């Protein structure tokens, strides 16, 4: 979230611990039970840190 905030990128957070539907959606999207998971226009990145997020974001930005 800090990485996204620093770049003024808007996002929605879901409580996958307190909301079973959000948890189920995360598992359906990512195929795993580990957070975080990000979905950008159907492209999924799961269980990542800031370095992986930056690489992912740069890659999807190239295709836009």
C-alpha atoms as a PDB file:
ATOM      1  CA  UNK A   1       0.000   0.000   0.000  1.00  0.00           C
ATOM      2  CA  UNK A   2       2.893   2.342   0.727  1.00  0.00           C
ATOM      3  CA  UNK A   3       4.268   1.793  -2.790  1.00  0.00           C
ATOM      4  CA  UNK A   4       0.882   2.588  -4.348  1.00  0.00           C
ATOM      5  CA  UNK A   5       0.324   5.588  -2.059  1.00  0.00           C
ATOM      6  CA  UNK A   6       3.749   7.034  -2.897  1.00  0.00           C
ATOM      7  CA  UNK A   7       2.763   6.999  -6.569  1.00  0.00           C
ATOM      8  CA  UNK A   8      -0.767   8.315  -5.952  1.00  0.00           C
ATOM      9  CA  UNK A   9      -2.283   5.144  -7.431  1.00  0.00           C
ATOM     10  CA  UNK A  10      -5.889   4.596  -6.384  1.00  0.00           C
ATOM     11  CA  UNK A  11      -6.862   1.161  -5.075  1.00  0.00           C
ATOM     12  CA  UNK A  12      -9.501  -0.671  -3.092  1.00  0.00           C
ATOM     13  CA  UNK A  13      -8.629  -2.758  -0.064  1.00  0.00           C
ATOM     14  CA  UNK A  14     -10.614  -5.790   1.011  1.00  0.00           C
ATOM     15  CA  UNK A  15     -10.420  -7.407   4.450  1.00  0.00           C
ATOM     16  CA  UNK A  16      -9.724 -11.021   3.498  1.00  0.00           C
ATOM     17  CA  UNK A  17      -9.390 -12.012   7.162  1.00  0.00           C
ATOM     18  CA  UNK A  18     -12.686 -10.574   8.361  1.00  0.00           C
ATOM     19  CA  UNK A  19     -14.748 -11.042   5.182  1.00  0.00           C
ATOM     20  CA  UNK A  20     -15.190 -14.618   3.967  1.00  0.00           C
ATOM     21  CA  UNK A  21     -16.510 -13.477   0.575  1.00  0.00           C
ATOM     22  CA  UNK A  22     -13.406 -11.317   0.050  1.00  0.00           C
ATOM     23  CA  UNK A  23     -11.196 -14.247   1.092  1.00  0.00           C
ATOM     24  CA  UNK A  24     -12.993 -16.582  -1.318  1.00  0.00           C
ATOM     25  CA  UNK A  25     -12.607 -14.023  -4.120  1.00  0.00           C
ATOM     26  CA  UNK A  26      -8.870 -13.725  -3.383  1.00  0.00           C
ATOM     27  CA  UNK A  27      -8.440 -17.506  -3.557  1.00  0.00           C
ATOM     28  CA  UNK A  28     -10.467 -17.683  -6.771  1.00  0.00           C
ATOM     29  CA  UNK A  29      -8.395 -14.920  -8.411  1.00  0.00           C
ATOM     30  CA  UNK A  30      -4.963 -16.011  -7.209  1.00  0.00           C
ATOM     31  CA  UNK A  31      -5.298 -19.721  -6.599  1.00  0.00           C
ATOM     32  CA  UNK A  32      -3.772 -19.352  -3.143  1.00  0.00           C
ATOM     33  CA  UNK A  33      -4.589 -18.296   0.406  1.00  0.00           C
ATOM     34  CA  UNK A  34      -1.716 -15.850   0.873  1.00  0.00           C
ATOM     35  CA  UNK A  35      -2.118 -12.080   0.783  1.00  0.00           C
ATOM     36  CA  UNK A  36      -1.557  -9.582  -0.644  1.00  0.00           C
ATOM     37  CA  UNK A  37      -3.187 -10.052  -4.025  1.00  0.00           C
ATOM     38  CA  UNK A  38      -3.616  -7.312  -6.592  1.00  0.00           C
ATOM     39  CA  UNK A  39      -5.882  -7.454  -9.635  1.00  0.00           C
ATOM     40  CA  UNK A  40      -5.269  -4.850 -12.338  1.00  0.00           C
ATOM     41  CA  UNK A  41      -7.639  -5.276 -15.268  1.00  0.00           C
ATOM     42  CA  UNK A  42      -7.626  -9.056 -14.807  1.00  0.00           C
ATOM     43  CA  UNK A  43      -3.858  -9.334 -14.372  1.00  0.00           C
ATOM     44  CA  UNK A  44      -3.104 -10.903 -10.992  1.00  0.00           C
ATOM     45  CA  UNK A  45      -0.078 -10.599  -8.722  1.00  0.00           C
ATOM     46  CA  UNK A  46      -0.180 -12.596  -5.492  1.00  0.00           C
ATOM     47  CA  UNK A  47       1.958 -12.877  -2.364  1.00  0.00           C
ATOM     48  CA  UNK A  48       4.363 -10.093  -3.339  1.00  0.00           C
ATOM     49  CA  UNK A  49       6.591  -7.393  -1.925  1.00  0.00           C
ATOM     50  CA  UNK A  50       7.357  -3.881  -3.173  1.00  0.00           C
ATOM     51  CA  UNK A  51      10.018  -5.043  -5.638  1.00  0.00           C
ATOM     52  CA  UNK A  52       7.691  -7.531  -7.319  1.00  0.00           C
ATOM     53  CA  UNK A  53       4.901  -4.943  -7.359  1.00  0.00           C
ATOM     54  CA  UNK A  54       7.099  -2.401  -9.131  1.00  0.00           C
ATOM     55  CA  UNK A  55       8.133  -4.955 -11.780  1.00  0.00           C
ATOM     56  CA  UNK A  56       4.496  -6.039 -12.243  1.00  0.00           C
ATOM     57  CA  UNK A  57       3.283  -2.432 -12.484  1.00  0.00           C
ATOM     58  CA  UNK A  58       5.959  -1.490 -15.010  1.00  0.00           C
ATOM     59  CA  UNK A  59       5.128  -4.530 -17.136  1.00  0.00           C
ATOM     60  CA  UNK A  60       1.378  -3.878 -17.233  1.00  0.00           C
ATOM     61  CA  UNK A  61       1.952  -0.163 -17.827  1.00  0.00           C
ATOM     62  CA  UNK A  62       3.886  -1.012 -21.004  1.00  0.00           C
ATOM     63  CA  UNK A  63       0.849  -2.814 -22.438  1.00  0.00           C
ATOM     64  CA  UNK A  64      -1.585   0.071 -21.834  1.00  0.00           C
END
